[in-house]
């Protein structure tokens, strides 16, 4: 990490999110910070530096970022086993989680996503589960609504970092990078579909990482093995 890295420069950024006002936030993972840009790509602000623990601005490899309808920025501080929330002006709002296996605790939280009710879904990778939290930003606390186990996420390599997305119907999609799979669950955690992305192209290794849905319902998947992004039109359930 470069503690003095200039704004607008990156060291292996893992995720991007767009706020309701068009601002763009980047999880600048190995510079251990979040950067904010205008819709046109002008650097506006950044916060964070490398630190282990629970200090408000000390992060360890933040990997996923998302924004709620009010412009609050949520991101997974993966190495510090928590989710941190800032407002659109870079002011600390809340943090959730610590290391462990109990509800509300994490072991390598990577992908995060919000549904239309502002429930927070977290890929709790090394606990091999998805956790669903109801955040209370005013009280700086959260309630664990449910948790379900994931049949996957076996490896603890630097590449096996799963992301998560919620579509307009409320179904939850997670990637299993080393398994070359996308898993679809109901909002209550029932597995309803598995997509095997091996063989998208002949003899090509697939490692699906991030998942996003556009306004037309197309599922976009970044493939870290082939350096490609694929769009899938999903059948209606």
C-alpha atoms as a PDB file:
ATOM      1  CA  UNK A   1       0.000   0.000   0.000  1.00  0.00           C
ATOM      2  CA  UNK A   2       1.064   3.567  -0.649  1.00  0.00           C
ATOM      3  CA  UNK A   3      -0.068   5.726   2.238  1.00  0.00           C
ATOM      4  CA  UNK A   4       0.540   8.758   0.019  1.00  0.00           C
ATOM      5  CA  UNK A   5      -1.003   7.444  -3.208  1.00  0.00           C
ATOM      6  CA  UNK A   6      -2.509  10.280  -5.215  1.00  0.00           C
ATOM      7  CA  UNK A   7      -6.270  10.514  -5.581  1.00  0.00           C
ATOM      8  CA  UNK A   8      -7.422   8.761  -8.724  1.00  0.00           C
ATOM      9  CA  UNK A   9      -4.654   6.162  -8.614  1.00  0.00           C
ATOM     10  CA  UNK A  10      -5.369   2.579  -7.639  1.00  0.00           C
ATOM     11  CA  UNK A  11      -3.754  -0.571  -6.313  1.00  0.00           C
ATOM     12  CA  UNK A  12      -5.933  -3.510  -7.387  1.00  0.00           C
ATOM     13  CA  UNK A  13      -9.424  -2.050  -6.886  1.00  0.00           C
ATOM     14  CA  UNK A  14     -11.985  -4.824  -6.413  1.00  0.00           C
ATOM     15  CA  UNK A  15     -15.351  -3.077  -6.637  1.00  0.00           C
ATOM     16  CA  UNK A  16     -17.233  -0.012  -7.875  1.00  0.00           C
ATOM     17  CA  UNK A  17     -20.653   1.388  -6.924  1.00  0.00           C
ATOM     18  CA  UNK A  18     -22.725   4.262  -8.293  1.00  0.00           C
ATOM     19  CA  UNK A  19     -24.755   6.438  -5.914  1.00  0.00           C
ATOM     20  CA  UNK A  20     -28.232   7.835  -6.663  1.00  0.00           C
ATOM     21  CA  UNK A  21     -26.671  11.220  -7.496  1.00  0.00           C
ATOM     22  CA  UNK A  22     -24.281   9.610 -10.000  1.00  0.00           C
ATOM     23  CA  UNK A  23     -21.201   9.740  -7.788  1.00  0.00           C
ATOM     24  CA  UNK A  24     -18.889   6.755  -8.200  1.00  0.00           C
ATOM     25  CA  UNK A  25     -17.210   4.985  -5.278  1.00  0.00           C
ATOM     26  CA  UNK A  26     -14.276   2.601  -5.655  1.00  0.00           C
ATOM     27  CA  UNK A  27     -12.953   0.053  -3.170  1.00  0.00           C
ATOM     28  CA  UNK A  28      -9.244   0.755  -3.737  1.00  0.00           C
ATOM     29  CA  UNK A  29      -8.373  -2.511  -2.051  1.00  0.00           C
ATOM     30  CA  UNK A  30      -4.616  -2.544  -1.539  1.00  0.00           C
ATOM     31  CA  UNK A  31      -4.356   1.186  -0.960  1.00  0.00           C
ATOM     32  CA  UNK A  32      -6.793   0.371   1.886  1.00  0.00           C
ATOM     33  CA  UNK A  33      -9.166   3.222   1.102  1.00  0.00           C
ATOM     34  CA  UNK A  34     -12.435   4.230  -0.543  1.00  0.00           C
ATOM     35  CA  UNK A  35     -12.293   6.820  -3.334  1.00  0.00           C
ATOM     36  CA  UNK A  36     -15.126   9.024  -4.570  1.00  0.00           C
ATOM     37  CA  UNK A  37     -15.468  10.401  -8.107  1.00  0.00           C
ATOM     38  CA  UNK A  38     -17.977  12.511  -9.962  1.00  0.00           C
ATOM     39  CA  UNK A  39     -20.168  10.920 -12.619  1.00  0.00           C
ATOM     40  CA  UNK A  40     -17.646  12.198 -15.167  1.00  0.00           C
ATOM     41  CA  UNK A  41     -14.735  10.551 -13.381  1.00  0.00           C
ATOM     42  CA  UNK A  42     -13.257  13.556 -11.602  1.00  0.00           C
ATOM     43  CA  UNK A  43     -11.599  12.593  -8.319  1.00  0.00           C
ATOM     44  CA  UNK A  44     -13.447  14.175  -5.390  1.00  0.00           C
ATOM     45  CA  UNK A  45     -12.373  12.580  -2.127  1.00  0.00           C
ATOM     46  CA  UNK A  46     -10.912   9.523  -0.420  1.00  0.00           C
ATOM     47  CA  UNK A  47     -10.712   8.119   3.063  1.00  0.00           C
ATOM     48  CA  UNK A  48      -8.810   5.298   4.694  1.00  0.00           C
ATOM     49  CA  UNK A  49      -5.335   3.964   5.371  1.00  0.00           C
ATOM     50  CA  UNK A  50      -3.912   0.586   6.339  1.00  0.00           C
ATOM     51  CA  UNK A  51      -4.628  -0.454   9.919  1.00  0.00           C
ATOM     52  CA  UNK A  52      -5.701  -3.578  11.738  1.00  0.00           C
ATOM     53  CA  UNK A  53      -8.474  -3.217  14.307  1.00  0.00           C
ATOM     54  CA  UNK A  54     -11.598  -1.124  14.503  1.00  0.00           C
ATOM     55  CA  UNK A  55     -10.416   2.450  14.027  1.00  0.00           C
ATOM     56  CA  UNK A  56     -12.884   4.525  12.021  1.00  0.00           C
ATOM     57  CA  UNK A  57     -10.559   5.172   9.063  1.00  0.00           C
ATOM     58  CA  UNK A  58      -8.114   2.262   9.302  1.00  0.00           C
ATOM     59  CA  UNK A  59      -8.890  -0.515   6.801  1.00  0.00           C
ATOM     60  CA  UNK A  60      -7.387  -3.787   5.665  1.00  0.00           C
ATOM     61  CA  UNK A  61      -8.175  -4.644   2.070  1.00  0.00           C
ATOM     62  CA  UNK A  62     -11.731  -3.288   1.573  1.00  0.00           C
ATOM     63  CA  UNK A  63     -13.269  -5.333  -1.223  1.00  0.00           C
ATOM     64  CA  UNK A  64     -16.917  -4.536  -1.857  1.00  0.00           C
ATOM     65  CA  UNK A  65     -18.842  -1.257  -1.855  1.00  0.00           C
ATOM     66  CA  UNK A  66     -22.532  -0.392  -2.260  1.00  0.00           C
ATOM     67  CA  UNK A  67     -24.681   2.716  -1.739  1.00  0.00           C
ATOM     68  CA  UNK A  68     -28.184   3.009  -0.296  1.00  0.00           C
ATOM     69  CA  UNK A  69     -31.012   5.253  -1.480  1.00  0.00           C
ATOM     70  CA  UNK A  70     -29.908   8.054   0.856  1.00  0.00           C
ATOM     71  CA  UNK A  71     -26.377   8.063  -0.501  1.00  0.00           C
ATOM     72  CA  UNK A  72     -24.760   6.267   2.455  1.00  0.00           C
ATOM     73  CA  UNK A  73     -21.727   4.239   1.403  1.00  0.00           C
ATOM     74  CA  UNK A  74     -21.336   0.709   2.793  1.00  0.00           C
ATOM     75  CA  UNK A  75     -18.169  -1.295   2.305  1.00  0.00           C
ATOM     76  CA  UNK A  76     -16.689  -4.544   3.537  1.00  0.00           C
ATOM     77  CA  UNK A  77     -13.460  -3.980   5.463  1.00  0.00           C
ATOM     78  CA  UNK A  78     -12.539  -7.559   4.696  1.00  0.00           C
ATOM     79  CA  UNK A  79      -9.362  -8.022   6.714  1.00  0.00           C
ATOM     80  CA  UNK A  80     -10.847  -6.328   9.764  1.00  0.00           C
ATOM     81  CA  UNK A  81     -13.977  -8.534   9.598  1.00  0.00           C
ATOM     82  CA  UNK A  82     -16.577  -5.771   9.524  1.00  0.00           C
ATOM     83  CA  UNK A  83     -18.794  -3.550   7.380  1.00  0.00           C
ATOM     84  CA  UNK A  84     -18.294   0.213   7.633  1.00  0.00           C
ATOM     85  CA  UNK A  85     -20.753   2.945   6.605  1.00  0.00           C
ATOM     86  CA  UNK A  86     -19.989   6.568   5.672  1.00  0.00           C
ATOM     87  CA  UNK A  87     -22.248   9.299   4.399  1.00  0.00           C
ATOM     88  CA  UNK A  88     -21.818  10.924   0.987  1.00  0.00           C
ATOM     89  CA  UNK A  89     -19.552  13.593   2.484  1.00  0.00           C
ATOM     90  CA  UNK A  90     -17.112  11.060   3.910  1.00  0.00           C
ATOM     91  CA  UNK A  91     -18.346  11.241   7.508  1.00  0.00           C
ATOM     92  CA  UNK A  92     -18.376   8.046   9.557  1.00  0.00           C
ATOM     93  CA  UNK A  93     -21.912   6.741  10.233  1.00  0.00           C
ATOM     94  CA  UNK A  94     -21.716   3.182  11.562  1.00  0.00           C
ATOM     95  CA  UNK A  95     -19.859  -0.108  11.605  1.00  0.00           C
ATOM     96  CA  UNK A  96     -21.064  -3.668  12.057  1.00  0.00           C
ATOM     97  CA  UNK A  97     -19.338  -6.911  12.900  1.00  0.00           C
ATOM     98  CA  UNK A  98     -16.190  -8.404  14.356  1.00  0.00           C
ATOM     99  CA  UNK A  99     -14.193 -11.595  13.910  1.00  0.00           C
ATOM    100  CA  UNK A 100     -16.018 -14.794  14.824  1.00  0.00           C
ATOM    101  CA  UNK A 101     -18.655 -17.355  13.935  1.00  0.00           C
ATOM    102  CA  UNK A 102     -21.686 -16.049  15.843  1.00  0.00           C
ATOM    103  CA  UNK A 103     -24.503 -14.165  14.121  1.00  0.00           C
ATOM    104  CA  UNK A 104     -23.280 -10.692  13.258  1.00  0.00           C
ATOM    105  CA  UNK A 105     -19.644 -11.819  13.249  1.00  0.00           C
ATOM    106  CA  UNK A 106     -17.585 -12.476  10.131  1.00  0.00           C
ATOM    107  CA  UNK A 107     -14.599 -14.334   8.798  1.00  0.00           C
ATOM    108  CA  UNK A 108     -13.475 -12.749   5.542  1.00  0.00           C
ATOM    109  CA  UNK A 109     -16.587 -10.762   4.568  1.00  0.00           C
ATOM    110  CA  UNK A 110     -16.258  -9.907   0.881  1.00  0.00           C
ATOM    111  CA  UNK A 111     -19.302  -9.154  -1.268  1.00  0.00           C
ATOM    112  CA  UNK A 112     -22.113  -7.026   0.169  1.00  0.00           C
ATOM    113  CA  UNK A 113     -25.459  -5.952  -1.313  1.00  0.00           C
ATOM    114  CA  UNK A 114     -28.603  -4.119  -0.230  1.00  0.00           C
ATOM    115  CA  UNK A 115     -32.156  -5.103  -1.135  1.00  0.00           C
ATOM    116  CA  UNK A 116     -35.108  -2.766  -1.654  1.00  0.00           C
ATOM    117  CA  UNK A 117     -35.851  -2.832   2.102  1.00  0.00           C
ATOM    118  CA  UNK A 118     -32.274  -1.830   2.904  1.00  0.00           C
ATOM    119  CA  UNK A 119     -31.419  -5.227   4.334  1.00  0.00           C
ATOM    120  CA  UNK A 120     -27.707  -5.949   4.001  1.00  0.00           C
ATOM    121  CA  UNK A 121     -26.537  -9.258   2.506  1.00  0.00           C
ATOM    122  CA  UNK A 122     -22.962 -10.288   3.241  1.00  0.00           C
ATOM    123  CA  UNK A 123     -20.812 -13.015   1.706  1.00  0.00           C
ATOM    124  CA  UNK A 124     -19.230 -14.290   4.941  1.00  0.00           C
ATOM    125  CA  UNK A 125     -16.687 -16.272   2.976  1.00  0.00           C
ATOM    126  CA  UNK A 126     -14.636 -18.333   5.395  1.00  0.00           C
ATOM    127  CA  UNK A 127     -17.683 -19.025   7.576  1.00  0.00           C
ATOM    128  CA  UNK A 128     -19.174 -20.320   4.301  1.00  0.00           C
ATOM    129  CA  UNK A 129     -22.491 -18.596   4.752  1.00  0.00           C
ATOM    130  CA  UNK A 130     -24.580 -15.601   3.718  1.00  0.00           C
ATOM    131  CA  UNK A 131     -25.698 -13.357   6.543  1.00  0.00           C
ATOM    132  CA  UNK A 132     -28.563 -10.881   6.295  1.00  0.00           C
ATOM    133  CA  UNK A 133     -28.519  -7.862   8.595  1.00  0.00           C
ATOM    134  CA  UNK A 134     -30.958  -5.058   9.227  1.00  0.00           C
ATOM    135  CA  UNK A 135     -28.748  -1.991   9.807  1.00  0.00           C
ATOM    136  CA  UNK A 136     -29.769   0.815  12.155  1.00  0.00           C
ATOM    137  CA  UNK A 137     -27.523   3.668  11.108  1.00  0.00           C
ATOM    138  CA  UNK A 138     -28.820   6.096  13.733  1.00  0.00           C
ATOM    139  CA  UNK A 139     -28.019   3.725  16.584  1.00  0.00           C
ATOM    140  CA  UNK A 140     -24.840   2.345  14.975  1.00  0.00           C
ATOM    141  CA  UNK A 141     -26.090  -1.198  15.382  1.00  0.00           C
ATOM    142  CA  UNK A 142     -27.607  -4.011  13.352  1.00  0.00           C
ATOM    143  CA  UNK A 143     -29.899  -6.996  13.820  1.00  0.00           C
ATOM    144  CA  UNK A 144     -29.113 -10.329  12.184  1.00  0.00           C
ATOM    145  CA  UNK A 145     -32.258 -11.418  10.348  1.00  0.00           C
ATOM    146  CA  UNK A 146     -31.084 -14.752   9.018  1.00  0.00           C
ATOM    147  CA  UNK A 147     -28.105 -16.759   7.860  1.00  0.00           C
ATOM    148  CA  UNK A 148     -27.700 -19.679   5.491  1.00  0.00           C
ATOM    149  CA  UNK A 149     -24.843 -21.984   4.630  1.00  0.00           C
ATOM    150  CA  UNK A 150     -23.244 -21.960   1.192  1.00  0.00           C
ATOM    151  CA  UNK A 151     -22.119 -25.210  -0.409  1.00  0.00           C
ATOM    152  CA  UNK A 152     -18.949 -23.758  -1.822  1.00  0.00           C
ATOM    153  CA  UNK A 153     -16.281 -21.193  -0.970  1.00  0.00           C
ATOM    154  CA  UNK A 154     -13.933 -23.980   0.096  1.00  0.00           C
ATOM    155  CA  UNK A 155     -10.679 -22.324  -0.886  1.00  0.00           C
ATOM    156  CA  UNK A 156      -9.007 -19.548   1.100  1.00  0.00           C
ATOM    157  CA  UNK A 157      -6.843 -18.307  -1.761  1.00  0.00           C
ATOM    158  CA  UNK A 158      -6.488 -14.661  -2.724  1.00  0.00           C
ATOM    159  CA  UNK A 159      -8.609 -15.365  -5.830  1.00  0.00           C
ATOM    160  CA  UNK A 160     -11.550 -17.037  -4.100  1.00  0.00           C
ATOM    161  CA  UNK A 161     -13.374 -13.879  -3.087  1.00  0.00           C
ATOM    162  CA  UNK A 162     -17.142 -14.173  -3.695  1.00  0.00           C
ATOM    163  CA  UNK A 163     -19.478 -11.286  -4.419  1.00  0.00           C
ATOM    164  CA  UNK A 164     -23.221 -11.007  -3.970  1.00  0.00           C
ATOM    165  CA  UNK A 165     -26.152  -9.261  -5.670  1.00  0.00           C
ATOM    166  CA  UNK A 166     -29.910  -8.973  -5.159  1.00  0.00           C
ATOM    167  CA  UNK A 167     -32.167  -8.672  -8.196  1.00  0.00           C
ATOM    168  CA  UNK A 168     -35.416  -6.745  -8.521  1.00  0.00           C
ATOM    169  CA  UNK A 169     -37.432  -9.780  -7.404  1.00  0.00           C
ATOM    170  CA  UNK A 170     -35.409  -9.999  -4.193  1.00  0.00           C
ATOM    171  CA  UNK A 171     -33.551 -13.177  -5.062  1.00  0.00           C
ATOM    172  CA  UNK A 172     -29.942 -13.389  -3.917  1.00  0.00           C
ATOM    173  CA  UNK A 173     -27.093 -14.332  -6.237  1.00  0.00           C
ATOM    174  CA  UNK A 174     -23.599 -15.258  -5.078  1.00  0.00           C
ATOM    175  CA  UNK A 175     -20.497 -16.171  -7.010  1.00  0.00           C
ATOM    176  CA  UNK A 176     -18.351 -19.198  -6.268  1.00  0.00           C
ATOM    177  CA  UNK A 177     -15.174 -18.142  -8.091  1.00  0.00           C
ATOM    178  CA  UNK A 178     -13.111 -21.322  -7.798  1.00  0.00           C
ATOM    179  CA  UNK A 179     -16.201 -23.453  -8.461  1.00  0.00           C
ATOM    180  CA  UNK A 180     -17.033 -21.455 -11.619  1.00  0.00           C
ATOM    181  CA  UNK A 181     -20.605 -21.176 -10.339  1.00  0.00           C
ATOM    182  CA  UNK A 182     -23.320 -18.606  -9.706  1.00  0.00           C
ATOM    183  CA  UNK A 183     -25.775 -19.677  -6.985  1.00  0.00           C
ATOM    184  CA  UNK A 184     -29.306 -18.214  -6.785  1.00  0.00           C
ATOM    185  CA  UNK A 185     -31.270 -18.226  -3.528  1.00  0.00           C
ATOM    186  CA  UNK A 186     -34.692 -17.056  -2.466  1.00  0.00           C
ATOM    187  CA  UNK A 187     -34.720 -14.147   0.025  1.00  0.00           C
ATOM    188  CA  UNK A 188     -35.057 -16.762   2.785  1.00  0.00           C
ATOM    189  CA  UNK A 189     -31.984 -18.690   1.668  1.00  0.00           C
ATOM    190  CA  UNK A 190     -33.442 -21.581  -0.334  1.00  0.00           C
ATOM    191  CA  UNK A 191     -31.155 -22.599  -3.186  1.00  0.00           C
ATOM    192  CA  UNK A 192     -33.204 -22.476  -6.378  1.00  0.00           C
ATOM    193  CA  UNK A 193     -30.699 -22.398  -9.251  1.00  0.00           C
ATOM    194  CA  UNK A 194     -27.042 -23.025 -10.014  1.00  0.00           C
ATOM    195  CA  UNK A 195     -25.307 -21.738 -13.138  1.00  0.00           C
ATOM    196  CA  UNK A 196     -22.114 -23.531 -14.141  1.00  0.00           C
ATOM    197  CA  UNK A 197     -20.091 -20.978 -16.084  1.00  0.00           C
ATOM    198  CA  UNK A 198     -17.433 -23.396 -17.277  1.00  0.00           C
ATOM    199  CA  UNK A 199     -17.658 -23.776 -20.991  1.00  0.00           C
ATOM    200  CA  UNK A 200     -18.973 -20.296 -21.717  1.00  0.00           C
ATOM    201  CA  UNK A 201     -16.289 -20.498 -24.371  1.00  0.00           C
ATOM    202  CA  UNK A 202     -14.581 -23.728 -25.388  1.00  0.00           C
ATOM    203  CA  UNK A 203     -11.576 -24.738 -23.293  1.00  0.00           C
ATOM    204  CA  UNK A 204     -11.703 -21.534 -21.274  1.00  0.00           C
ATOM    205  CA  UNK A 205     -11.267 -21.420 -17.518  1.00  0.00           C
ATOM    206  CA  UNK A 206     -13.967 -19.419 -15.776  1.00  0.00           C
ATOM    207  CA  UNK A 207     -13.676 -17.585 -12.452  1.00  0.00           C
ATOM    208  CA  UNK A 208     -16.830 -15.516 -11.862  1.00  0.00           C
ATOM    209  CA  UNK A 209     -16.262 -12.861  -9.215  1.00  0.00           C
ATOM    210  CA  UNK A 210     -18.513  -9.811  -9.149  1.00  0.00           C
ATOM    211  CA  UNK A 211     -22.218  -9.804 -10.064  1.00  0.00           C
ATOM    212  CA  UNK A 212     -24.404  -6.818 -10.920  1.00  0.00           C
ATOM    213  CA  UNK A 213     -27.918  -6.432 -12.323  1.00  0.00           C
ATOM    214  CA  UNK A 214     -28.902  -3.628 -14.678  1.00  0.00           C
ATOM    215  CA  UNK A 215     -32.309  -2.001 -14.945  1.00  0.00           C
ATOM    216  CA  UNK A 216     -33.357  -4.488 -17.627  1.00  0.00           C
ATOM    217  CA  UNK A 217     -32.604  -7.420 -15.311  1.00  0.00           C
ATOM    218  CA  UNK A 218     -29.496  -8.547 -17.184  1.00  0.00           C
ATOM    219  CA  UNK A 219     -26.991 -10.245 -14.876  1.00  0.00           C
ATOM    220  CA  UNK A 220     -23.451  -9.006 -15.530  1.00  0.00           C
ATOM    221  CA  UNK A 221     -20.599 -11.168 -14.290  1.00  0.00           C
ATOM    222  CA  UNK A 222     -16.901 -10.324 -14.230  1.00  0.00           C
ATOM    223  CA  UNK A 223     -14.705 -13.295 -15.114  1.00  0.00           C
ATOM    224  CA  UNK A 224     -11.278 -12.847 -13.533  1.00  0.00           C
ATOM    225  CA  UNK A 225      -9.787 -15.835 -15.346  1.00  0.00           C
ATOM    226  CA  UNK A 226     -10.616 -14.691 -18.887  1.00  0.00           C
ATOM    227  CA  UNK A 227     -10.560 -10.925 -18.282  1.00  0.00           C
ATOM    228  CA  UNK A 228     -14.077 -10.733 -19.696  1.00  0.00           C
ATOM    229  CA  UNK A 229     -17.462  -9.446 -18.580  1.00  0.00           C
ATOM    230  CA  UNK A 230     -20.479 -11.542 -19.536  1.00  0.00           C
ATOM    231  CA  UNK A 231     -24.133 -10.531 -19.622  1.00  0.00           C
ATOM    232  CA  UNK A 232     -26.829 -13.123 -18.974  1.00  0.00           C
ATOM    233  CA  UNK A 233     -30.549 -12.766 -19.641  1.00  0.00           C
ATOM    234  CA  UNK A 234     -32.110 -14.871 -16.905  1.00  0.00           C
ATOM    235  CA  UNK A 235     -35.327 -16.826 -17.322  1.00  0.00           C
ATOM    236  CA  UNK A 236     -38.233 -15.441 -15.324  1.00  0.00           C
ATOM    237  CA  UNK A 237     -39.083 -17.630 -12.355  1.00  0.00           C
END
